[in-house]
Amino acid sequence: MKAQLWQLVRFGLVGLVNTGTFFLLYLALHPFLPYFAAFTVAFLLAMVGSFFLHTYFTYRTLPSWRKFLLFPLPNLANYLVQSGGVLVLVQGLGLDSRIAPLLAAVVAIPVTFLLSRLVLTGRASAQPSAQPSAQPSAQPDQLGPAPVRVEVVDE
């Protein structure tokens, strides 16, 4: 139970960093793009950073091309919930378009947690995955170079 709680805490910390990164990107793009285009571009850029933070820090697993390519799926659900929320808050309720993304993000947190855990660990349960070892096994879809194994054979 303690490990599950810490995984949720790490998820929240990464979420705060990711939300801050997204929001800074959004504010930087907002003067140059329509608010919804700025929202989308900032979301996509922050998602790449989120992948690596969640892989290494939250779920303590190794990144792979397969996981990287699947990671947008939970983020698509997040995007749909958040973008729908932004549209409702800005167009429906007249909320400031600079603040609406933060409120919409709160609603998407539980959905993103469950789906990203499934993609990055292969499990929907809250059991934390094994810590990455110093010498990960070579996986054909692993991001980055495969580790080199050298065996010394005595003759």
C-alpha atoms as a PDB file:
ATOM      1  CA  MET A   1       0.000   0.000   0.000  1.00  0.00           C
ATOM      2  CA  LYS A   2       2.865   2.373   0.836  1.00  0.00           C
ATOM      3  CA  ALA A   3       4.459   1.788  -2.581  1.00  0.00           C
ATOM      4  CA  GLN A   4       1.139   2.538  -4.271  1.00  0.00           C
ATOM      5  CA  LEU A   5       0.810   5.777  -2.345  1.00  0.00           C
ATOM      6  CA  TRP A   6       4.312   6.875  -3.325  1.00  0.00           C
ATOM      7  CA  GLN A   7       3.565   6.063  -6.961  1.00  0.00           C
ATOM      8  CA  LEU A   8       0.529   8.335  -6.768  1.00  0.00           C
ATOM      9  CA  VAL A   9       2.615  11.054  -5.087  1.00  0.00           C
ATOM     10  CA  ARG A  10       5.267  10.783  -7.833  1.00  0.00           C
ATOM     11  CA  PHE A  11       2.499  10.949 -10.447  1.00  0.00           C
ATOM     12  CA  GLY A  12       1.228  14.132  -8.827  1.00  0.00           C
ATOM     13  CA  LEU A  13       4.703  15.681  -8.730  1.00  0.00           C
ATOM     14  CA  VAL A  14       5.298  14.895 -12.396  1.00  0.00           C
ATOM     15  CA  GLY A  15       1.845  16.249 -13.126  1.00  0.00           C
ATOM     16  CA  LEU A  16       2.724  19.531 -11.409  1.00  0.00           C
ATOM     17  CA  VAL A  17       5.981  19.828 -13.360  1.00  0.00           C
ATOM     18  CA  ASN A  18       4.222  18.893 -16.597  1.00  0.00           C
ATOM     19  CA  THR A  19       1.362  21.314 -15.959  1.00  0.00           C
ATOM     20  CA  GLY A  20       3.841  24.093 -15.224  1.00  0.00           C
ATOM     21  CA  THR A  21       5.794  23.305 -18.382  1.00  0.00           C
ATOM     22  CA  PHE A  22       2.601  23.155 -20.425  1.00  0.00           C
ATOM     23  CA  PHE A  23       1.285  26.396 -18.959  1.00  0.00           C
ATOM     24  CA  LEU A  24       4.543  28.293 -19.591  1.00  0.00           C
ATOM     25  CA  LEU A  25       4.600  27.025 -23.179  1.00  0.00           C
ATOM     26  CA  TYR A  26       0.929  27.949 -23.570  1.00  0.00           C
ATOM     27  CA  LEU A  27       1.491  31.470 -22.274  1.00  0.00           C
ATOM     28  CA  ALA A  28       4.541  31.868 -24.516  1.00  0.00           C
ATOM     29  CA  LEU A  29       2.579  30.759 -27.588  1.00  0.00           C
ATOM     30  CA  HIS A  30      -0.692  32.525 -26.690  1.00  0.00           C
ATOM     31  CA  PRO A  31       0.342  35.956 -28.079  1.00  0.00           C
ATOM     32  CA  PHE A  32       1.322  34.433 -31.426  1.00  0.00           C
ATOM     33  CA  LEU A  33      -1.374  31.796 -31.982  1.00  0.00           C
ATOM     34  CA  PRO A  34      -5.109  31.554 -31.392  1.00  0.00           C
ATOM     35  CA  TYR A  35      -5.691  30.197 -27.879  1.00  0.00           C
ATOM     36  CA  PHE A  36      -6.761  26.730 -29.026  1.00  0.00           C
ATOM     37  CA  ALA A  37      -3.749  26.320 -31.344  1.00  0.00           C
ATOM     38  CA  ALA A  38      -1.446  27.472 -28.521  1.00  0.00           C
ATOM     39  CA  PHE A  39      -3.160  24.964 -26.220  1.00  0.00           C
ATOM     40  CA  THR A  40      -2.603  22.099 -28.684  1.00  0.00           C
ATOM     41  CA  VAL A  41       1.050  22.856 -29.462  1.00  0.00           C
ATOM     42  CA  ALA A  42       1.917  23.326 -25.780  1.00  0.00           C
ATOM     43  CA  PHE A  43       0.105  20.091 -24.942  1.00  0.00           C
ATOM     44  CA  LEU A  44       2.082  18.081 -27.514  1.00  0.00           C
ATOM     45  CA  LEU A  45       5.442  19.500 -26.451  1.00  0.00           C
ATOM     46  CA  ALA A  46       4.768  18.924 -22.760  1.00  0.00           C
ATOM     47  CA  MET A  47       3.654  15.364 -23.500  1.00  0.00           C
ATOM     48  CA  VAL A  48       7.149  14.366 -24.650  1.00  0.00           C
ATOM     49  CA  GLY A  49       8.674  15.539 -21.383  1.00  0.00           C
ATOM     50  CA  SER A  50       5.863  13.875 -19.477  1.00  0.00           C
ATOM     51  CA  PHE A  51       6.650  10.525 -21.110  1.00  0.00           C
ATOM     52  CA  PHE A  52      10.221  10.497 -19.839  1.00  0.00           C
ATOM     53  CA  LEU A  53       9.364  11.798 -16.369  1.00  0.00           C
ATOM     54  CA  HIS A  54       6.602   9.224 -15.893  1.00  0.00           C
ATOM     55  CA  THR A  55       8.720   6.419 -17.317  1.00  0.00           C
ATOM     56  CA  TYR A  56      11.749   6.964 -15.116  1.00  0.00           C
ATOM     57  CA  PHE A  57      10.351   8.689 -12.034  1.00  0.00           C
ATOM     58  CA  THR A  58       6.691   7.736 -11.576  1.00  0.00           C
ATOM     59  CA  TYR A  59       6.571   4.120 -12.737  1.00  0.00           C
ATOM     60  CA  ARG A  60      10.311   3.363 -12.570  1.00  0.00           C
ATOM     61  CA  THR A  61      10.439   1.522 -15.826  1.00  0.00           C
ATOM     62  CA  LEU A  62      12.548   1.865 -18.950  1.00  0.00           C
ATOM     63  CA  PRO A  63      11.404   3.836 -21.987  1.00  0.00           C
ATOM     64  CA  SER A  64      10.912   2.022 -25.260  1.00  0.00           C
ATOM     65  CA  TRP A  65       9.696   2.975 -28.695  1.00  0.00           C
ATOM     66  CA  ARG A  66       6.576   0.885 -28.123  1.00  0.00           C
ATOM     67  CA  LYS A  67       5.746   2.750 -24.912  1.00  0.00           C
ATOM     68  CA  PHE A  68       6.588   6.095 -26.528  1.00  0.00           C
ATOM     69  CA  LEU A  69       4.249   5.348 -29.427  1.00  0.00           C
ATOM     70  CA  LEU A  70       1.472   4.143 -27.072  1.00  0.00           C
ATOM     71  CA  PHE A  71       1.902   7.003 -24.589  1.00  0.00           C
ATOM     72  CA  PRO A  72      -0.235   9.371 -26.669  1.00  0.00           C
ATOM     73  CA  LEU A  73      -3.274   7.117 -26.052  1.00  0.00           C
ATOM     74  CA  PRO A  74      -3.771   8.108 -22.408  1.00  0.00           C
ATOM     75  CA  ASN A  75      -2.830  11.615 -23.397  1.00  0.00           C
ATOM     76  CA  LEU A  76      -5.468  11.583 -26.120  1.00  0.00           C
ATOM     77  CA  ALA A  77      -8.075  10.899 -23.443  1.00  0.00           C
ATOM     78  CA  ASN A  78      -6.488  13.659 -21.366  1.00  0.00           C
ATOM     79  CA  TYR A  79      -6.525  15.977 -24.390  1.00  0.00           C
ATOM     80  CA  LEU A  80     -10.195  15.286 -25.113  1.00  0.00           C
ATOM     81  CA  VAL A  81     -11.212  15.903 -21.506  1.00  0.00           C
ATOM     82  CA  GLN A  82      -9.054  19.022 -21.209  1.00  0.00           C
ATOM     83  CA  SER A  83      -9.847  20.524 -24.605  1.00  0.00           C
ATOM     84  CA  GLY A  84     -13.568  19.950 -24.089  1.00  0.00           C
ATOM     85  CA  GLY A  85     -13.209  21.600 -20.700  1.00  0.00           C
ATOM     86  CA  VAL A  86     -11.310  24.554 -22.187  1.00  0.00           C
ATOM     87  CA  LEU A  87     -13.974  25.093 -24.821  1.00  0.00           C
ATOM     88  CA  VAL A  88     -16.785  24.912 -22.261  1.00  0.00           C
ATOM     89  CA  LEU A  89     -14.991  27.182 -19.802  1.00  0.00           C
ATOM     90  CA  VAL A  90     -13.988  29.814 -22.383  1.00  0.00           C
ATOM     91  CA  GLN A  91     -16.891  29.792 -24.827  1.00  0.00           C
ATOM     92  CA  GLY A  92     -19.652  28.546 -22.564  1.00  0.00           C
ATOM     93  CA  LEU A  93     -18.799  30.221 -19.275  1.00  0.00           C
ATOM     94  CA  GLY A  94     -16.688  33.146 -20.484  1.00  0.00           C
ATOM     95  CA  LEU A  95     -13.675  32.249 -18.334  1.00  0.00           C
ATOM     96  CA  ASP A  96     -10.323  33.842 -19.198  1.00  0.00           C
ATOM     97  CA  SER A  97      -8.586  31.681 -21.822  1.00  0.00           C
ATOM     98  CA  ARG A  98      -5.287  31.968 -19.910  1.00  0.00           C
ATOM     99  CA  ILE A  99      -6.750  30.270 -16.820  1.00  0.00           C
ATOM    100  CA  ALA A 100      -9.175  27.747 -18.330  1.00  0.00           C
ATOM    101  CA  PRO A 101      -6.516  25.090 -19.141  1.00  0.00           C
ATOM    102  CA  LEU A 102      -5.534  24.811 -15.475  1.00  0.00           C
ATOM    103  CA  LEU A 103      -9.082  24.118 -14.353  1.00  0.00           C
ATOM    104  CA  ALA A 104      -9.695  21.659 -17.163  1.00  0.00           C
ATOM    105  CA  ALA A 105      -6.508  19.767 -16.245  1.00  0.00           C
ATOM    106  CA  VAL A 106      -7.830  18.929 -12.766  1.00  0.00           C
ATOM    107  CA  VAL A 107     -10.699  16.913 -14.224  1.00  0.00           C
ATOM    108  CA  ALA A 108      -8.371  14.874 -16.449  1.00  0.00           C
ATOM    109  CA  ILE A 109      -5.928  13.733 -13.723  1.00  0.00           C
ATOM    110  CA  PRO A 110      -7.572  10.413 -12.694  1.00  0.00           C
ATOM    111  CA  VAL A 111      -8.109   9.320 -16.297  1.00  0.00           C
ATOM    112  CA  THR A 112      -4.518  10.052 -17.230  1.00  0.00           C
ATOM    113  CA  PHE A 113      -3.096   8.274 -14.157  1.00  0.00           C
ATOM    114  CA  LEU A 114      -4.897   5.003 -14.821  1.00  0.00           C
ATOM    115  CA  LEU A 115      -4.257   4.915 -18.548  1.00  0.00           C
ATOM    116  CA  SER A 116      -0.605   5.990 -18.375  1.00  0.00           C
ATOM    117  CA  ARG A 117       0.107   3.350 -15.715  1.00  0.00           C
ATOM    118  CA  LEU A 118      -1.382   0.719 -18.007  1.00  0.00           C
ATOM    119  CA  VAL A 119       0.720   1.842 -20.994  1.00  0.00           C
ATOM    120  CA  LEU A 120       4.005   2.302 -19.137  1.00  0.00           C
ATOM    121  CA  THR A 121       3.875  -0.713 -16.824  1.00  0.00           C
ATOM    122  CA  GLY A 122       1.554  -3.064 -18.682  1.00  0.00           C
ATOM    123  CA  ARG A 123      -0.651  -3.295 -15.582  1.00  0.00           C
ATOM    124  CA  ALA A 124      -3.816  -1.504 -14.624  1.00  0.00           C
ATOM    125  CA  SER A 125      -3.342  -2.417 -10.952  1.00  0.00           C
ATOM    126  CA  ALA A 126      -1.552  -0.067  -8.604  1.00  0.00           C
ATOM    127  CA  GLN A 127       1.334  -2.488  -8.060  1.00  0.00           C
ATOM    128  CA  PRO A 128       4.539  -0.562  -8.806  1.00  0.00           C
ATOM    129  CA  SER A 129       6.797  -2.007 -11.465  1.00  0.00           C
ATOM    130  CA  ALA A 130      10.266  -3.203 -10.666  1.00  0.00           C
ATOM    131  CA  GLN A 131      12.954  -0.571 -10.432  1.00  0.00           C
ATOM    132  CA  PRO A 132      15.091  -0.302 -13.548  1.00  0.00           C
ATOM    133  CA  SER A 133      18.364  -2.065 -12.946  1.00  0.00           C
ATOM    134  CA  ALA A 134      21.744  -0.571 -13.641  1.00  0.00           C
ATOM    135  CA  GLN A 135      22.129  -3.101 -16.460  1.00  0.00           C
ATOM    136  CA  PRO A 136      18.764  -3.307 -18.239  1.00  0.00           C
ATOM    137  CA  SER A 137      18.215  -6.213 -20.553  1.00  0.00           C
ATOM    138  CA  ALA A 138      18.486  -5.424 -24.225  1.00  0.00           C
ATOM    139  CA  GLN A 139      15.056  -4.954 -25.684  1.00  0.00           C
ATOM    140  CA  PRO A 140      14.632  -4.506 -29.411  1.00  0.00           C
ATOM    141  CA  ASP A 141      12.264  -1.583 -28.922  1.00  0.00           C
ATOM    142  CA  GLN A 142      14.261   0.139 -26.163  1.00  0.00           C
ATOM    143  CA  LEU A 143      14.869   3.858 -26.694  1.00  0.00           C
ATOM    144  CA  GLY A 144      18.548   4.607 -27.017  1.00  0.00           C
ATOM    145  CA  PRO A 145      21.416   2.218 -27.591  1.00  0.00           C
ATOM    146  CA  ALA A 146      21.171  -1.306 -26.282  1.00  0.00           C
ATOM    147  CA  PRO A 147      23.595  -2.094 -23.468  1.00  0.00           C
ATOM    148  CA  VAL A 148      26.756  -3.907 -24.473  1.00  0.00           C
ATOM    149  CA  ARG A 149      27.483  -7.128 -22.629  1.00  0.00           C
ATOM    150  CA  VAL A 150      31.032  -8.367 -22.531  1.00  0.00           C
ATOM    151  CA  GLU A 151      31.849 -11.852 -21.330  1.00  0.00           C
ATOM    152  CA  VAL A 152      35.361 -12.843 -20.371  1.00  0.00           C
ATOM    153  CA  VAL A 153      36.127 -16.452 -21.157  1.00  0.00           C
ATOM    154  CA  ASP A 154      39.122 -18.103 -19.512  1.00  0.00           C
ATOM    155  CA  GLU A 155      40.970 -20.444 -21.781  1.00  0.00           C
END
